[in-house]
Amino acid sequence: MHYIKLNDGHEIPVLGFGTYKAKEEEGIVAVQEALQAGYRLLDTAAKYENEEHVGKGIQKSGIPREEVIITTKLWRENLGYEETKMAFEKSLKKLAVDYIDLYLIHWPANAKNYANWQQANADAWRVMEDLQAQGKIKSIGVSNFWPEHLEALLQTTRVVPAINQIEFHPGYWQPEVVSFCRSHGIAIQSWSPLARGKVFGNPVLESIALKHGKTVSQVCLRWVLQHDAIVIPKSTTLARIQENLLIFDFNLSEQDMHAIDSLPEMGFSGELPNEWPDRV
């Protein structure tokens, strides 16, 4: 497995395992199989409602806790100071661990939902900085933050976010966000790298895959890596879990990269950090 060094000195794999929608026994087995296949970075979130299952999968895998890098996330409706502390403890308990390797703010507060969105993000971040100082979190970061959210946050931080996990796939890869993060030493992590399945059947990707003797999935994951981003594909099928690991034995050419970079929008989730709906 290949690793990347974050701005806080911690190293994490460039390829991880996503667990969105992987719940109950299926989720437990998927995590167990992923770890046994060789993954060491797991991605979950309070909102996924599967932290307990991820924790059980880790226990069943037989892989020592210290070898597994666990990511979980703070949901966007819990961004107050006390709410963040409570949400973190709840995640810790559900995962049945005594520290988290990477803790992210899942979505930024916005003006539509918070009277002072800058303060809400800053309050949550202050708790995360404190928890990191106490050794309860190794690395802290954000998810789905645009430059405007990061600029506001960086005015009050003691610790610069280590990672920004964003929607990043062929057809929608947010180069402006990537460029801003790079300029501040913030690593990019890609969610939905296969564009919600929309990459399959794309003639450009199929042609590149055929040329390299690889699958469209492997080409897309490799493309993310060659953009110096971390990628976290998700699957509950063992064959796919194993297939997604086989992306370190080939390279996409500059021509391949440009062709994929230039693909028209596809698979975009429609989710925007400034437009998430009013609280229910």
Protein backbone atom coordinates (compact mmCIF):
# COMPACT_ATOMS: atom_id res chain seq x y z
CA MET A 1 0.00 0.00 0.00
CA HIS A 2 1.22 3.51 -0.83
CA TYR A 3 1.03 6.27 1.81
CA ILE A 4 0.86 10.06 1.79
CA LYS A 5 2.22 12.34 4.53
CA LEU A 6 -0.28 14.89 5.82
CA ASN A 7 0.61 18.41 6.97
CA ASP A 8 0.57 17.24 10.61
CA GLY A 9 3.21 14.56 9.96
CA HIS A 10 0.84 11.58 10.06
CA GLU A 11 0.87 9.19 7.13
CA ILE A 12 -2.25 7.60 5.67
CA PRO A 13 -2.83 5.28 2.69
CA VAL A 14 -3.67 6.92 -0.64
CA LEU A 15 -6.32 4.22 -1.14
CA GLY A 16 -9.00 3.62 1.48
CA PHE A 17 -12.29 1.82 1.87
CA GLY A 18 -15.59 3.70 1.92
CA THR A 19 -18.53 2.37 3.94
CA TYR A 20 -21.43 4.65 2.90
CA LYS A 21 -24.66 2.58 2.92
CA ALA A 22 -22.77 -0.47 4.25
CA LYS A 23 -24.86 -1.37 7.29
CA GLU A 24 -25.76 -4.31 9.53
CA GLU A 25 -24.19 -7.71 8.76
CA GLU A 26 -23.35 -6.71 5.17
CA GLY A 27 -21.36 -3.74 6.46
CA ILE A 28 -19.56 -5.80 9.10
CA VAL A 29 -18.53 -8.43 6.55
CA ALA A 30 -17.45 -5.79 3.98
CA VAL A 31 -15.15 -4.07 6.49
CA GLN A 32 -13.74 -7.41 7.65
CA GLU A 33 -13.07 -8.51 4.06
CA ALA A 34 -11.57 -5.15 3.09
CA LEU A 35 -9.10 -5.22 5.97
CA GLN A 36 -8.18 -8.82 5.29
CA ALA A 37 -7.67 -7.95 1.60
CA GLY A 38 -5.15 -5.25 2.55
CA TYR A 39 -6.99 -1.96 3.09
CA ARG A 40 -5.87 0.00 6.15
CA LEU A 41 -7.88 3.23 5.79
CA LEU A 42 -11.60 3.08 6.58
CA ASP A 43 -14.10 5.89 6.03
CA THR A 44 -17.38 6.20 7.92
CA ALA A 45 -19.51 9.00 9.42
CA ALA A 46 -22.06 9.51 12.16
CA LYS A 47 -24.63 10.23 9.44
CA TYR A 48 -24.04 6.82 7.81
CA GLU A 49 -25.45 5.17 10.95
CA ASN A 50 -22.97 2.32 10.61
CA GLU A 51 -20.11 3.21 12.98
CA GLU A 52 -21.08 0.30 15.20
CA HIS A 53 -20.92 -2.09 12.25
CA VAL A 54 -17.57 -0.69 11.12
CA GLY A 55 -16.23 -1.21 14.66
CA LYS A 56 -17.43 -4.82 14.68
CA GLY A 57 -15.87 -5.42 11.26
CA ILE A 58 -12.52 -4.19 12.56
CA GLN A 59 -12.75 -6.49 15.58
CA LYS A 60 -13.70 -9.49 13.44
CA SER A 61 -10.91 -8.87 10.92
CA GLY A 62 -8.15 -9.79 13.35
CA ILE A 63 -6.12 -6.77 12.18
CA PRO A 64 -4.62 -4.91 15.17
CA ARG A 65 -6.33 -1.58 15.93
CA GLU A 66 -3.07 0.36 15.61
CA GLU A 67 -2.75 -0.76 11.97
CA VAL A 68 -6.19 0.56 11.02
CA ILE A 69 -6.74 4.24 10.23
CA ILE A 70 -10.33 5.13 11.06
CA THR A 71 -12.04 8.21 9.64
CA THR A 72 -15.39 9.40 10.91
CA LYS A 73 -17.25 12.67 10.61
CA LEU A 74 -19.20 15.24 12.59
CA TRP A 75 -22.65 15.84 11.11
CA ARG A 76 -23.53 19.35 10.00
CA GLU A 77 -26.38 19.79 12.48
CA ASN A 78 -24.06 19.27 15.48
CA LEU A 79 -21.60 22.11 14.96
CA GLY A 80 -21.95 23.85 18.33
CA TYR A 81 -19.20 23.55 20.95
CA GLU A 82 -21.02 21.19 23.32
CA GLU A 83 -22.76 19.35 20.45
CA THR A 84 -19.40 18.56 18.86
CA LYS A 85 -18.03 17.13 22.11
CA MET A 86 -21.09 14.93 22.54
CA ALA A 87 -21.11 13.77 18.91
CA PHE A 88 -17.44 12.82 19.09
CA GLU A 89 -17.90 10.75 22.25
CA LYS A 90 -20.89 9.01 20.67
CA SER A 91 -18.82 8.06 17.60
CA LEU A 92 -15.99 6.81 19.80
CA LYS A 93 -18.40 4.61 21.74
CA LYS A 94 -20.10 3.20 18.63
CA LEU A 95 -16.79 2.36 16.99
CA ALA A 96 -15.62 0.82 20.28
CA VAL A 97 -12.22 2.53 20.12
CA ASP A 98 -10.42 4.98 22.39
CA TYR A 99 -9.15 7.34 19.68
CA ILE A 100 -10.01 8.37 16.11
CA ASP A 101 -7.30 8.67 13.47
CA LEU A 102 -9.05 11.25 11.30
CA TYR A 103 -12.08 13.32 12.33
CA LEU A 104 -13.78 15.58 9.78
CA ILE A 105 -16.52 18.21 9.79
CA HIS A 106 -18.84 16.49 7.30
CA TRP A 107 -20.32 19.67 5.76
CA PRO A 108 -19.71 23.33 6.61
CA ALA A 109 -22.33 25.42 8.32
CA ASN A 110 -23.92 27.90 5.93
CA ALA A 111 -25.92 31.12 6.10
CA LYS A 112 -29.12 29.25 5.29
CA ASN A 113 -28.92 27.21 8.49
CA TYR A 114 -26.83 29.18 11.00
CA ALA A 115 -27.17 32.80 12.07
CA ASN A 116 -23.35 32.93 12.25
CA TRP A 117 -22.03 30.08 10.11
CA GLN A 118 -18.41 31.18 10.51
CA GLN A 119 -18.70 30.89 14.31
CA ALA A 120 -20.43 27.50 14.11
CA ASN A 121 -17.57 26.03 12.06
CA ALA A 122 -14.99 27.72 14.30
CA ASP A 123 -16.62 26.34 17.49
CA ALA A 124 -16.63 22.78 16.16
CA TRP A 125 -13.04 23.15 15.01
CA ARG A 126 -11.91 24.43 18.42
CA VAL A 127 -13.28 21.26 20.05
CA MET A 128 -11.48 19.14 17.45
CA GLU A 129 -8.22 20.97 18.10
CA ASP A 130 -8.63 20.35 21.84
CA LEU A 131 -9.39 16.64 21.29
CA GLN A 132 -6.35 16.36 19.07
CA ALA A 133 -4.17 17.98 21.75
CA GLN A 134 -5.54 15.42 24.25
CA GLY A 135 -4.57 12.53 21.94
CA LYS A 136 -8.16 11.49 21.23
CA ILE A 137 -7.82 12.39 17.54
CA LYS A 138 -4.64 12.06 15.48
CA SER A 139 -5.59 14.22 12.47
CA ILE A 140 -8.40 16.72 11.96
CA GLY A 141 -9.92 17.89 8.72
CA VAL A 142 -13.01 18.96 6.85
CA SER A 143 -15.28 17.66 4.12
CA ASN A 144 -17.12 19.53 1.35
CA PHE A 145 -15.55 22.88 2.29
CA TRP A 146 -15.21 25.46 -0.47
CA PRO A 147 -12.49 28.17 -0.37
CA GLU A 148 -14.89 30.64 1.27
CA HIS A 149 -15.50 28.24 4.18
CA LEU A 150 -11.81 27.44 4.51
CA GLU A 151 -10.78 31.11 4.39
CA ALA A 152 -13.16 31.92 7.24
CA LEU A 153 -12.01 28.90 9.26
CA LEU A 154 -8.32 29.64 8.78
CA GLN A 155 -8.78 33.04 10.44
CA THR A 156 -9.35 31.35 13.81
CA THR A 157 -7.51 28.01 13.63
CA ARG A 158 -4.53 26.89 15.61
CA VAL A 159 -4.28 23.81 13.38
CA VAL A 160 -4.67 23.89 9.59
CA PRO A 161 -7.00 21.12 8.35
CA ALA A 162 -5.03 18.06 7.23
CA ILE A 163 -7.61 16.97 4.64
CA ASN A 164 -10.60 18.25 2.70
CA GLN A 165 -12.75 15.34 1.52
CA ILE A 166 -14.71 16.47 -1.54
CA GLU A 167 -16.78 15.09 -4.39
CA PHE A 168 -14.08 14.32 -6.95
CA HIS A 169 -14.59 12.11 -9.99
CA PRO A 170 -14.46 12.19 -13.79
CA GLY A 171 -17.03 14.78 -14.84
CA TYR A 172 -16.86 16.75 -11.57
CA TRP A 173 -13.57 17.29 -9.79
CA GLN A 174 -13.63 20.88 -8.48
CA PRO A 175 -10.18 22.12 -9.64
CA GLU A 176 -10.66 25.53 -7.93
CA VAL A 177 -11.20 23.86 -4.55
CA VAL A 178 -8.25 21.54 -5.19
CA SER A 179 -5.99 24.46 -6.10
CA PHE A 180 -6.95 26.42 -2.96
CA CYS A 181 -6.29 23.41 -0.73
CA ARG A 182 -2.93 22.70 -2.36
CA SER A 183 -1.84 26.29 -1.71
CA HIS A 184 -2.53 25.77 2.01
CA GLY A 185 -1.00 22.30 2.32
CA ILE A 186 -4.40 20.60 2.71
CA ALA A 187 -4.61 17.12 1.18
CA ILE A 188 -7.55 16.26 -1.08
CA GLN A 189 -9.60 13.12 -0.54
CA SER A 190 -12.10 11.96 -3.15
CA TRP A 191 -15.60 10.73 -2.37
CA SER A 192 -17.82 9.18 -5.07
CA PRO A 193 -14.78 8.45 -7.31
CA LEU A 194 -16.94 6.43 -9.70
CA ALA A 195 -19.49 9.23 -10.17
CA ARG A 196 -22.36 7.21 -8.71
CA GLY A 197 -21.79 4.56 -11.37
CA LYS A 198 -22.07 7.04 -14.27
CA VAL A 199 -18.51 6.28 -15.40
CA PHE A 200 -19.53 2.84 -16.60
CA GLY A 201 -20.30 2.72 -20.29
CA ASN A 202 -18.41 5.97 -20.98
CA PRO A 203 -16.56 5.40 -24.31
CA VAL A 204 -13.51 7.52 -23.37
CA LEU A 205 -13.00 5.63 -20.11
CA GLU A 206 -13.69 2.27 -21.75
CA SER A 207 -11.08 2.99 -24.43
CA ILE A 208 -8.43 3.96 -21.84
CA ALA A 209 -9.27 0.90 -19.73
CA LEU A 210 -8.93 -1.40 -22.76
CA LYS A 211 -5.54 0.10 -23.63
CA HIS A 212 -4.18 -0.60 -20.13
CA GLY A 213 -5.87 -3.97 -19.67
CA LYS A 214 -7.74 -2.58 -16.68
CA THR A 215 -11.37 -1.97 -15.70
CA VAL A 216 -13.09 1.42 -15.89
CA SER A 217 -13.16 1.45 -12.06
CA GLN A 218 -9.40 0.93 -11.85
CA VAL A 219 -8.78 3.68 -14.41
CA CYS A 220 -10.95 6.16 -12.47
CA LEU A 221 -9.25 5.35 -9.16
CA ARG A 222 -5.82 5.63 -10.79
CA TRP A 223 -6.82 9.01 -12.27
CA VAL A 224 -7.67 10.27 -8.76
CA LEU A 225 -4.31 9.07 -7.41
CA GLN A 226 -2.42 10.76 -10.26
CA HIS A 227 -4.10 13.99 -9.23
CA ASP A 228 -2.28 13.45 -5.89
CA ALA A 229 -5.57 12.85 -4.12
CA ILE A 230 -6.58 10.09 -1.70
CA VAL A 231 -9.40 7.86 -2.91
CA ILE A 232 -11.99 5.88 -0.92
CA PRO A 233 -14.09 3.63 -3.19
CA LYS A 234 -16.92 1.71 -1.57
CA SER A 235 -18.21 -1.76 -2.30
CA THR A 236 -19.74 -4.67 -0.43
CA THR A 237 -18.74 -7.20 -3.12
CA LEU A 238 -15.50 -9.07 -2.37
CA ALA A 239 -14.44 -9.25 -6.04
CA ARG A 240 -14.81 -5.46 -6.39
CA ILE A 241 -13.12 -4.83 -3.03
CA GLN A 242 -10.12 -6.80 -4.30
CA GLU A 243 -10.22 -5.32 -7.81
CA ASN A 244 -10.01 -1.78 -6.45
CA LEU A 245 -6.67 -2.59 -4.81
CA LEU A 246 -5.02 -3.35 -8.16
CA ILE A 247 -4.26 0.22 -9.21
CA PHE A 248 -0.55 0.53 -8.40
CA ASP A 249 0.89 -1.43 -11.33
CA PHE A 250 0.11 0.98 -14.18
CA ASN A 251 0.24 4.68 -15.02
CA LEU A 252 -2.08 6.85 -17.07
CA SER A 253 -0.32 8.97 -19.69
CA GLU A 254 -0.62 12.76 -19.85
CA GLN A 255 -2.95 12.23 -22.80
CA ASP A 256 -5.11 9.83 -20.75
CA MET A 257 -5.24 12.29 -17.85
CA HIS A 258 -6.20 15.19 -20.11
CA ALA A 259 -8.92 13.13 -21.80
CA ILE A 260 -10.45 12.23 -18.42
CA ASP A 261 -10.04 15.77 -17.06
CA SER A 262 -11.97 17.05 -20.08
CA LEU A 263 -15.01 14.80 -19.75
CA PRO A 264 -18.31 16.71 -19.50
CA GLU A 265 -20.20 16.82 -16.22
CA MET A 266 -21.58 13.45 -15.18
CA GLY A 267 -22.51 11.79 -11.94
CA PHE A 268 -22.61 15.05 -9.98
CA SER A 269 -24.54 14.49 -6.75
CA GLY A 270 -26.14 17.93 -6.88
CA GLU A 271 -25.06 18.52 -3.29
CA LEU A 272 -23.62 21.95 -2.59
CA PRO A 273 -22.22 23.21 0.72
CA ASN A 274 -24.11 26.49 0.49
CA GLU A 275 -27.44 24.90 -0.38
CA TRP A 276 -28.01 22.11 2.10
CA PRO A 277 -31.60 22.31 3.29
CA ASP A 278 -33.12 23.85 6.38
CA ARG A 279 -33.11 21.72 9.49
CA VAL A 280 -36.09 19.42 9.87
